[in-house]
Amino acid sequence: MAEAGFPDHVVNSWFGFVVQAGTPADMAKRLHGELIKAIRQPSYGQNFAAFGAVATANDTIEEFGQFVASESKKFGALVRDSGMKLP
């Protein structure tokens, strides 16, 4: 982003899994636990490494929510600072 005029912004790609609002908490926690088990399998990390990526996971659903909120805040500021407008 420095070459685009935003030296203080770092951009990383990421993805996550979400569930529909109203999903029972115990079901969401179980799904999260199963996803964490899968992500922590050595073969999962090896597959990501083949593409130059690193597989990581938040330990809790709340941590992921905080991460998403921080990313939204960061990129919201980037859009505002850049003066980008939708056509």
PDB file of N, CA and C in Angstrom:
ATOM      1  N   MET A   1       0.818  -1.191   0.000  1.00  0.00           N
ATOM      2  CA  MET A   1       0.000   0.000   0.000  1.00  0.00           C
ATOM      3  C   MET A   1       0.870   1.267   0.000  1.00  0.00           C
ATOM      4  N   ALA A   2       2.129   1.132   0.415  1.00  0.00           N
ATOM      5  CA  ALA A   2       2.997   2.309   0.440  1.00  0.00           C
ATOM      6  C   ALA A   2       3.115   2.925  -0.943  1.00  0.00           C
ATOM      7  N   GLU A   3       3.278   2.078  -1.978  1.00  0.00           N
ATOM      8  CA  GLU A   3       3.412   2.611  -3.332  1.00  0.00           C
ATOM      9  C   GLU A   3       2.135   3.263  -3.832  1.00  0.00           C
ATOM     10  N   ALA A   4       1.016   2.989  -3.178  1.00  0.00           N
ATOM     11  CA  ALA A   4      -0.257   3.617  -3.545  1.00  0.00           C
ATOM     12  C   ALA A   4      -0.498   4.903  -2.743  1.00  0.00           C
ATOM     13  N   GLY A   5       0.478   5.259  -1.890  1.00  0.00           N
ATOM     14  CA  GLY A   5       0.346   6.484  -1.116  1.00  0.00           C
ATOM     15  C   GLY A   5      -0.189   6.291   0.296  1.00  0.00           C
ATOM     16  N   PHE A   6      -0.240   5.034   0.767  1.00  0.00           N
ATOM     17  CA  PHE A   6      -0.744   4.741   2.110  1.00  0.00           C
ATOM     18  C   PHE A   6       0.281   3.908   2.876  1.00  0.00           C
ATOM     19  N   PRO A   7       1.387   4.537   3.280  1.00  0.00           N
ATOM     20  CA  PRO A   7       2.479   3.780   3.892  1.00  0.00           C
ATOM     21  C   PRO A   7       2.138   3.125   5.236  1.00  0.00           C
ATOM     22  N   ASP A   8       1.122   3.590   5.904  1.00  0.00           N
ATOM     23  CA  ASP A   8       0.770   3.036   7.217  1.00  0.00           C
ATOM     24  C   ASP A   8      -0.216   1.879   7.143  1.00  0.00           C
ATOM     25  N   HIS A   9      -0.620   1.479   5.946  1.00  0.00           N
ATOM     26  CA  HIS A   9      -1.609   0.416   5.792  1.00  0.00           C
ATOM     27  C   HIS A   9      -0.951  -0.865   5.299  1.00  0.00           C
ATOM     28  N   VAL A  10      -1.239  -1.953   5.977  1.00  0.00           N
ATOM     29  CA  VAL A  10      -0.766  -3.272   5.570  1.00  0.00           C
ATOM     30  C   VAL A  10      -1.993  -4.090   5.197  1.00  0.00           C
ATOM     31  N   VAL A  11      -1.940  -4.747   4.058  1.00  0.00           N
ATOM     32  CA  VAL A  11      -3.084  -5.519   3.580  1.00  0.00           C
ATOM     33  C   VAL A  11      -2.708  -6.992   3.526  1.00  0.00           C
ATOM     34  N   ASN A  12      -3.479  -7.815   4.184  1.00  0.00           N
ATOM     35  CA  ASN A  12      -3.327  -9.265   4.142  1.00  0.00           C
ATOM     36  C   ASN A  12      -4.665  -9.871   3.733  1.00  0.00           C
ATOM     37  N   SER A  13      -4.601 -10.962   3.015  1.00  0.00           N
ATOM     38  CA  SER A  13      -5.831 -11.679   2.676  1.00  0.00           C
ATOM     39  C   SER A  13      -6.199 -12.611   3.816  1.00  0.00           C
ATOM     40  N   TRP A  14      -7.476 -12.769   4.050  1.00  0.00           N
ATOM     41  CA  TRP A  14      -7.938 -13.688   5.082  1.00  0.00           C
ATOM     42  C   TRP A  14      -9.355 -14.114   4.738  1.00  0.00           C
ATOM     43  N   PHE A  15      -9.776 -15.186   5.350  1.00  0.00           N
ATOM     44  CA  PHE A  15     -11.169 -15.595   5.233  1.00  0.00           C
ATOM     45  C   PHE A  15     -11.583 -16.237   6.533  1.00  0.00           C
ATOM     46  N   GLY A  16     -12.863 -16.322   6.729  1.00  0.00           N
ATOM     47  CA  GLY A  16     -13.386 -16.922   7.941  1.00  0.00           C
ATOM     48  C   GLY A  16     -14.753 -17.518   7.680  1.00  0.00           C
ATOM     49  N   PHE A  17     -15.211 -18.268   8.615  1.00  0.00           N
ATOM     50  CA  PHE A  17     -16.530 -18.883   8.543  1.00  0.00           C
ATOM     51  C   PHE A  17     -17.457 -18.156   9.495  1.00  0.00           C
ATOM     52  N   VAL A  18     -18.671 -17.903   9.039  1.00  0.00           N
ATOM     53  CA  VAL A  18     -19.681 -17.263   9.877  1.00  0.00           C
ATOM     54  C   VAL A  18     -20.952 -18.095   9.825  1.00  0.00           C
ATOM     55  N   VAL A  19     -21.798 -17.895  10.805  1.00  0.00           N
ATOM     56  CA  VAL A  19     -23.084 -18.576  10.825  1.00  0.00           C
ATOM     57  C   VAL A  19     -24.181 -17.526  10.849  1.00  0.00           C
ATOM     58  N   GLN A  20     -25.352 -17.946  10.505  1.00  0.00           N
ATOM     59  CA  GLN A  20     -26.506 -17.060  10.459  1.00  0.00           C
ATOM     60  C   GLN A  20     -26.815 -16.524  11.857  1.00  0.00           C
ATOM     61  N   ALA A  21     -27.220 -15.266  11.920  1.00  0.00           N
ATOM     62  CA  ALA A  21     -27.653 -14.688  13.190  1.00  0.00           C
ATOM     63  C   ALA A  21     -28.751 -15.566  13.774  1.00  0.00           C
ATOM     64  N   GLY A  22     -28.705 -15.785  15.067  1.00  0.00           N
ATOM     65  CA  GLY A  22     -29.705 -16.603  15.727  1.00  0.00           C
ATOM     66  C   GLY A  22     -29.315 -18.069  15.851  1.00  0.00           C
ATOM     67  N   THR A  23     -28.163 -18.445  15.274  1.00  0.00           N
ATOM     68  CA  THR A  23     -27.687 -19.820  15.439  1.00  0.00           C
ATOM     69  C   THR A  23     -27.410 -20.050  16.915  1.00  0.00           C
ATOM     70  N   PRO A  24     -27.899 -21.146  17.486  1.00  0.00           N
ATOM     71  CA  PRO A  24     -27.641 -21.402  18.906  1.00  0.00           C
ATOM     72  C   PRO A  24     -26.135 -21.383  19.216  1.00  0.00           C
ATOM     73  N   ALA A  25     -25.782 -20.764  20.328  1.00  0.00           N
ATOM     74  CA  ALA A  25     -24.376 -20.610  20.700  1.00  0.00           C
ATOM     75  C   ALA A  25     -23.656 -21.940  20.785  1.00  0.00           C
ATOM     76  N   ASP A  26     -24.313 -22.972  21.335  1.00  0.00           N
ATOM     77  CA  ASP A  26     -23.635 -24.266  21.450  1.00  0.00           C
ATOM     78  C   ASP A  26     -23.317 -24.856  20.081  1.00  0.00           C
ATOM     79  N   MET A  27     -24.189 -24.633  19.104  1.00  0.00           N
ATOM     80  CA  MET A  27     -23.941 -25.134  17.754  1.00  0.00           C
ATOM     81  C   MET A  27     -22.780 -24.370  17.114  1.00  0.00           C
ATOM     82  N   ALA A  28     -22.752 -23.052  17.287  1.00  0.00           N
ATOM     83  CA  ALA A  28     -21.666 -22.241  16.731  1.00  0.00           C
ATOM     84  C   ALA A  28     -20.334 -22.633  17.358  1.00  0.00           C
ATOM     85  N   LYS A  29     -20.327 -22.862  18.664  1.00  0.00           N
ATOM     86  CA  LYS A  29     -19.086 -23.251  19.342  1.00  0.00           C
ATOM     87  C   LYS A  29     -18.620 -24.629  18.889  1.00  0.00           C
ATOM     88  N   ARG A  30     -19.543 -25.532  18.662  1.00  0.00           N
ATOM     89  CA  ARG A  30     -19.158 -26.864  18.189  1.00  0.00           C
ATOM     90  C   ARG A  30     -18.552 -26.769  16.786  1.00  0.00           C
ATOM     91  N   LEU A  31     -19.189 -26.006  15.907  1.00  0.00           N
ATOM     92  CA  LEU A  31     -18.664 -25.814  14.559  1.00  0.00           C
ATOM     93  C   LEU A  31     -17.275 -25.180  14.618  1.00  0.00           C
ATOM     94  N   HIS A  32     -17.116 -24.170  15.453  1.00  0.00           N
ATOM     95  CA  HIS A  32     -15.817 -23.510  15.616  1.00  0.00           C
ATOM     96  C   HIS A  32     -14.765 -24.519  16.067  1.00  0.00           C
ATOM     97  N   GLY A  33     -15.102 -25.337  17.042  1.00  0.00           N
ATOM     98  CA  GLY A  33     -14.159 -26.339  17.539  1.00  0.00           C
ATOM     99  C   GLY A  33     -13.730 -27.324  16.457  1.00  0.00           C
ATOM    100  N   GLU A  34     -14.674 -27.756  15.643  1.00  0.00           N
ATOM    101  CA  GLU A  34     -14.352 -28.704  14.567  1.00  0.00           C
ATOM    102  C   GLU A  34     -13.487 -28.038  13.494  1.00  0.00           C
ATOM    103  N   LEU A  35     -13.768 -26.782  13.196  1.00  0.00           N
ATOM    104  CA  LEU A  35     -12.948 -26.060  12.223  1.00  0.00           C
ATOM    105  C   LEU A  35     -11.531 -25.875  12.740  1.00  0.00           C
ATOM    106  N   ILE A  36     -11.395 -25.558  14.017  1.00  0.00           N
ATOM    107  CA  ILE A  36     -10.065 -25.395  14.617  1.00  0.00           C
ATOM    108  C   ILE A  36      -9.284 -26.697  14.523  1.00  0.00           C
ATOM    109  N   LYS A  37      -9.941 -27.821  14.817  1.00  0.00           N
ATOM    110  CA  LYS A  37      -9.263 -29.126  14.706  1.00  0.00           C
ATOM    111  C   LYS A  37      -8.751 -29.338  13.288  1.00  0.00           C
ATOM    112  N   ALA A  38      -9.575 -29.029  12.301  1.00  0.00           N
ATOM    113  CA  ALA A  38      -9.179 -29.220  10.904  1.00  0.00           C
ATOM    114  C   ALA A  38      -8.015 -28.306  10.529  1.00  0.00           C
ATOM    115  N   ILE A  39      -8.105 -27.045  10.915  1.00  0.00           N
ATOM    116  CA  ILE A  39      -7.075 -26.069  10.567  1.00  0.00           C
ATOM    117  C   ILE A  39      -5.736 -26.437  11.188  1.00  0.00           C
ATOM    118  N   ARG A  40      -5.762 -27.052  12.347  1.00  0.00           N
ATOM    119  CA  ARG A  40      -4.519 -27.404  13.041  1.00  0.00           C
ATOM    120  C   ARG A  40      -3.915 -28.732  12.591  1.00  0.00           C
ATOM    121  N   GLN A  41      -4.546 -29.390  11.645  1.00  0.00           N
ATOM    122  CA  GLN A  41      -3.968 -30.609  11.072  1.00  0.00           C
ATOM    123  C   GLN A  41      -2.757 -30.214  10.223  1.00  0.00           C
ATOM    124  N   PRO A  42      -1.649 -30.936  10.340  1.00  0.00           N
ATOM    125  CA  PRO A  42      -0.455 -30.586   9.547  1.00  0.00           C
ATOM    126  C   PRO A  42      -0.727 -30.500   8.047  1.00  0.00           C
ATOM    127  N   SER A  43      -1.549 -31.385   7.521  1.00  0.00           N
ATOM    128  CA  SER A  43      -1.801 -31.372   6.073  1.00  0.00           C
ATOM    129  C   SER A  43      -2.502 -30.093   5.639  1.00  0.00           C
ATOM    130  N   TYR A  44      -3.329 -29.533   6.486  1.00  0.00           N
ATOM    131  CA  TYR A  44      -4.032 -28.284   6.161  1.00  0.00           C
ATOM    132  C   TYR A  44      -3.011 -27.165   5.975  1.00  0.00           C
ATOM    133  N   GLY A  45      -2.118 -27.048   6.941  1.00  0.00           N
ATOM    134  CA  GLY A  45      -1.074 -26.020   6.853  1.00  0.00           C
ATOM    135  C   GLY A  45      -0.166 -26.227   5.663  1.00  0.00           C
ATOM    136  N   GLN A  46       0.151 -27.476   5.353  1.00  0.00           N
ATOM    137  CA  GLN A  46       1.006 -27.774   4.199  1.00  0.00           C
ATOM    138  C   GLN A  46       0.335 -27.359   2.899  1.00  0.00           C
ATOM    139  N   ASN A  47      -0.962 -27.594   2.803  1.00  0.00           N
ATOM    140  CA  ASN A  47      -1.692 -27.179   1.601  1.00  0.00           C
ATOM    141  C   ASN A  47      -1.674 -25.665   1.441  1.00  0.00           C
ATOM    142  N   PHE A  48      -1.830 -24.945   2.525  1.00  0.00           N
ATOM    143  CA  PHE A  48      -1.781 -23.484   2.458  1.00  0.00           C
ATOM    144  C   PHE A  48      -0.377 -23.022   2.092  1.00  0.00           C
ATOM    145  N   ALA A  49       0.634 -23.660   2.691  1.00  0.00           N
ATOM    146  CA  ALA A  49       2.020 -23.282   2.425  1.00  0.00           C
ATOM    147  C   ALA A  49       2.377 -23.448   0.956  1.00  0.00           C
ATOM    148  N   ALA A  50       1.776 -24.413   0.289  1.00  0.00           N
ATOM    149  CA  ALA A  50       2.040 -24.624  -1.136  1.00  0.00           C
ATOM    150  C   ALA A  50       1.649 -23.401  -1.963  1.00  0.00           C
ATOM    151  N   PHE A  51       0.755 -22.571  -1.429  1.00  0.00           N
ATOM    152  CA  PHE A  51       0.333 -21.349  -2.118  1.00  0.00           C
ATOM    153  C   PHE A  51       0.966 -20.098  -1.509  1.00  0.00           C
ATOM    154  N   GLY A  52       1.932 -20.312  -0.611  1.00  0.00           N
ATOM    155  CA  GLY A  52       2.601 -19.185   0.025  1.00  0.00           C
ATOM    156  C   GLY A  52       1.790 -18.549   1.134  1.00  0.00           C
ATOM    157  N   ALA A  53       0.843 -19.284   1.680  1.00  0.00           N
ATOM    158  CA  ALA A  53      -0.029 -18.756   2.728  1.00  0.00           C
ATOM    159  C   ALA A  53       0.241 -19.461   4.052  1.00  0.00           C
ATOM    160  N   VAL A  54      -0.246 -18.876   5.102  1.00  0.00           N
ATOM    161  CA  VAL A  54      -0.134 -19.449   6.443  1.00  0.00           C
ATOM    162  C   VAL A  54      -1.537 -19.641   6.999  1.00  0.00           C
ATOM    163  N   ALA A  55      -1.829 -20.838   7.448  1.00  0.00           N
ATOM    164  CA  ALA A  55      -3.143 -21.122   8.045  1.00  0.00           C
ATOM    165  C   ALA A  55      -3.093 -20.781   9.529  1.00  0.00           C
ATOM    166  N   THR A  56      -3.965 -19.890   9.947  1.00  0.00           N
ATOM    167  CA  THR A  56      -4.074 -19.532  11.362  1.00  0.00           C
ATOM    168  C   THR A  56      -5.539 -19.544  11.756  1.00  0.00           C
ATOM    169  N   ALA A  57      -5.783 -19.544  13.040  1.00  0.00           N
ATOM    170  CA  ALA A  57      -7.165 -19.547  13.523  1.00  0.00           C
ATOM    171  C   ALA A  57      -7.251 -18.782  14.830  1.00  0.00           C
ATOM    172  N   ASN A  58      -8.375 -18.132  15.036  1.00  0.00           N
ATOM    173  CA  ASN A  58      -8.645 -17.494  16.322  1.00  0.00           C
ATOM    174  C   ASN A  58      -9.068 -18.571  17.300  1.00  0.00           C
ATOM    175  N   ASP A  59      -8.620 -18.435  18.535  1.00  0.00           N
ATOM    176  CA  ASP A  59      -8.944 -19.438  19.544  1.00  0.00           C
ATOM    177  C   ASP A  59     -10.410 -19.430  19.948  1.00  0.00           C
ATOM    178  N   THR A  60     -11.059 -18.282  19.806  1.00  0.00           N
ATOM    179  CA  THR A  60     -12.466 -18.198  20.203  1.00  0.00           C
ATOM    180  C   THR A  60     -13.272 -17.463  19.132  1.00  0.00           C
ATOM    181  N   ILE A  61     -14.566 -17.671  19.167  1.00  0.00           N
ATOM    182  CA  ILE A  61     -15.470 -16.956  18.269  1.00  0.00           C
ATOM    183  C   ILE A  61     -15.374 -15.456  18.528  1.00  0.00           C
ATOM    184  N   GLU A  62     -15.248 -15.086  19.782  1.00  0.00           N
ATOM    185  CA  GLU A  62     -15.171 -13.667  20.149  1.00  0.00           C
ATOM    186  C   GLU A  62     -13.921 -13.017  19.560  1.00  0.00           C
ATOM    187  N   GLU A  63     -12.790 -13.742  19.583  1.00  0.00           N
ATOM    188  CA  GLU A  63     -11.561 -13.196  18.992  1.00  0.00           C
ATOM    189  C   GLU A  63     -11.747 -12.939  17.504  1.00  0.00           C
ATOM    190  N   PHE A  64     -12.418 -13.860  16.819  1.00  0.00           N
ATOM    191  CA  PHE A  64     -12.658 -13.658  15.393  1.00  0.00           C
ATOM    192  C   PHE A  64     -13.538 -12.433  15.185  1.00  0.00           C
ATOM    193  N   GLY A  65     -14.565 -12.267  15.999  1.00  0.00           N
ATOM    194  CA  GLY A  65     -15.426 -11.090  15.903  1.00  0.00           C
ATOM    195  C   GLY A  65     -14.649  -9.806  16.096  1.00  0.00           C
ATOM    196  N   GLN A  66     -13.721  -9.807  17.055  1.00  0.00           N
ATOM    197  CA  GLN A  66     -12.887  -8.628  17.298  1.00  0.00           C
ATOM    198  C   GLN A  66     -11.968  -8.357  16.102  1.00  0.00           C
ATOM    199  N   PHE A  67     -11.441  -9.434  15.512  1.00  0.00           N
ATOM    200  CA  PHE A  67     -10.587  -9.290  14.339  1.00  0.00           C
ATOM    201  C   PHE A  67     -11.370  -8.674  13.177  1.00  0.00           C
ATOM    202  N   VAL A  68     -12.560  -9.192  12.916  1.00  0.00           N
ATOM    203  CA  VAL A  68     -13.381  -8.666  11.827  1.00  0.00           C
ATOM    204  C   VAL A  68     -13.707  -7.192  12.077  1.00  0.00           C
ATOM    205  N   ALA A  69     -14.032  -6.850  13.308  1.00  0.00           N
ATOM    206  CA  ALA A  69     -14.335  -5.451  13.636  1.00  0.00           C
ATOM    207  C   ALA A  69     -13.121  -4.562  13.400  1.00  0.00           C
ATOM    208  N   SER A  70     -11.934  -5.031  13.783  1.00  0.00           N
ATOM    209  CA  SER A  70     -10.733  -4.217  13.587  1.00  0.00           C
ATOM    210  C   SER A  70     -10.404  -4.064  12.106  1.00  0.00           C
ATOM    211  N   GLU A  71     -10.608  -5.119  11.318  1.00  0.00           N
ATOM    212  CA  GLU A  71     -10.376  -5.038   9.875  1.00  0.00           C
ATOM    213  C   GLU A  71     -11.366  -4.070   9.230  1.00  0.00           C
ATOM    214  N   SER A  72     -12.609  -4.106   9.664  1.00  0.00           N
ATOM    215  CA  SER A  72     -13.624  -3.190   9.124  1.00  0.00           C
ATOM    216  C   SER A  72     -13.254  -1.747   9.425  1.00  0.00           C
ATOM    217  N   LYS A  73     -12.793  -1.506  10.630  1.00  0.00           N
ATOM    218  CA  LYS A  73     -12.396  -0.157  11.020  1.00  0.00           C
ATOM    219  C   LYS A  73     -11.192   0.297  10.187  1.00  0.00           C
ATOM    220  N   LYS A  74     -10.210  -0.599  10.046  1.00  0.00           N
ATOM    221  CA  LYS A  74      -8.997  -0.264   9.294  1.00  0.00           C
ATOM    222  C   LYS A  74      -9.323   0.051   7.837  1.00  0.00           C
ATOM    223  N   PHE A  75     -10.102  -0.807   7.182  1.00  0.00           N
ATOM    224  CA  PHE A  75     -10.384  -0.589   5.776  1.00  0.00           C
ATOM    225  C   PHE A  75     -11.396   0.523   5.558  1.00  0.00           C
ATOM    226  N   GLY A  76     -12.252   0.759   6.533  1.00  0.00           N
ATOM    227  CA  GLY A  76     -13.139   1.919   6.446  1.00  0.00           C
ATOM    228  C   GLY A  76     -12.328   3.203   6.420  1.00  0.00           C
ATOM    229  N   ALA A  77     -11.305   3.262   7.274  1.00  0.00           N
ATOM    230  CA  ALA A  77     -10.427   4.433   7.304  1.00  0.00           C
ATOM    231  C   ALA A  77      -9.663   4.569   5.994  1.00  0.00           C
ATOM    232  N   LEU A  78      -9.209   3.445   5.449  1.00  0.00           N
ATOM    233  CA  LEU A  78      -8.481   3.483   4.178  1.00  0.00           C
ATOM    234  C   LEU A  78      -9.359   4.038   3.063  1.00  0.00           C
ATOM    235  N   VAL A  79     -10.598   3.600   3.001  1.00  0.00           N
ATOM    236  CA  VAL A  79     -11.520   4.093   1.970  1.00  0.00           C
ATOM    237  C   VAL A  79     -11.756   5.591   2.166  1.00  0.00           C
ATOM    238  N   ARG A  80     -12.005   6.010   3.405  1.00  0.00           N
ATOM    239  CA  ARG A  80     -12.225   7.431   3.672  1.00  0.00           C
ATOM    240  C   ARG A  80     -10.987   8.251   3.317  1.00  0.00           C
ATOM    241  N   ASP A  81      -9.798   7.775   3.741  1.00  0.00           N
ATOM    242  CA  ASP A  81      -8.542   8.523   3.499  1.00  0.00           C
ATOM    243  C   ASP A  81      -8.228   8.617   2.013  1.00  0.00           C
ATOM    244  N   SER A  82      -8.619   7.611   1.252  1.00  0.00           N
ATOM    245  CA  SER A  82      -8.282   7.600  -0.178  1.00  0.00           C
ATOM    246  C   SER A  82      -9.201   8.498  -0.993  1.00  0.00           C
ATOM    247  N   GLY A  83     -10.370   8.795  -0.442  1.00  0.00           N
ATOM    248  CA  GLY A  83     -11.349   9.584  -1.187  1.00  0.00           C
ATOM    249  C   GLY A  83     -12.100   8.776  -2.236  1.00  0.00           C
ATOM    250  N   MET A  84     -11.987   7.430  -2.148  1.00  0.00           N
ATOM    251  CA  MET A  84     -12.691   6.577  -3.116  1.00  0.00           C
ATOM    252  C   MET A  84     -14.192   6.832  -3.068  1.00  0.00           C
ATOM    253  N   LYS A  85     -14.804   6.781  -4.238  1.00  0.00           N
ATOM    254  CA  LYS A  85     -16.253   6.940  -4.351  1.00  0.00           C
ATOM    255  C   LYS A  85     -16.800   5.838  -5.241  1.00  0.00           C
ATOM    256  N   LEU A  86     -17.992   5.381  -4.935  1.00  0.00           N
ATOM    257  CA  LEU A  86     -18.665   4.420  -5.795  1.00  0.00           C
ATOM    258  C   LEU A  86     -19.252   5.142  -6.991  1.00  0.00           C
ATOM    259  N   PRO A  87     -19.238   4.519  -8.162  1.00  0.00           N
ATOM    260  CA  PRO A  87     -19.799   5.200  -9.340  1.00  0.00           C
ATOM    261  C   PRO A  87     -21.303   5.409  -9.204  1.00  0.00           C
TER     262      PRO A  87
END
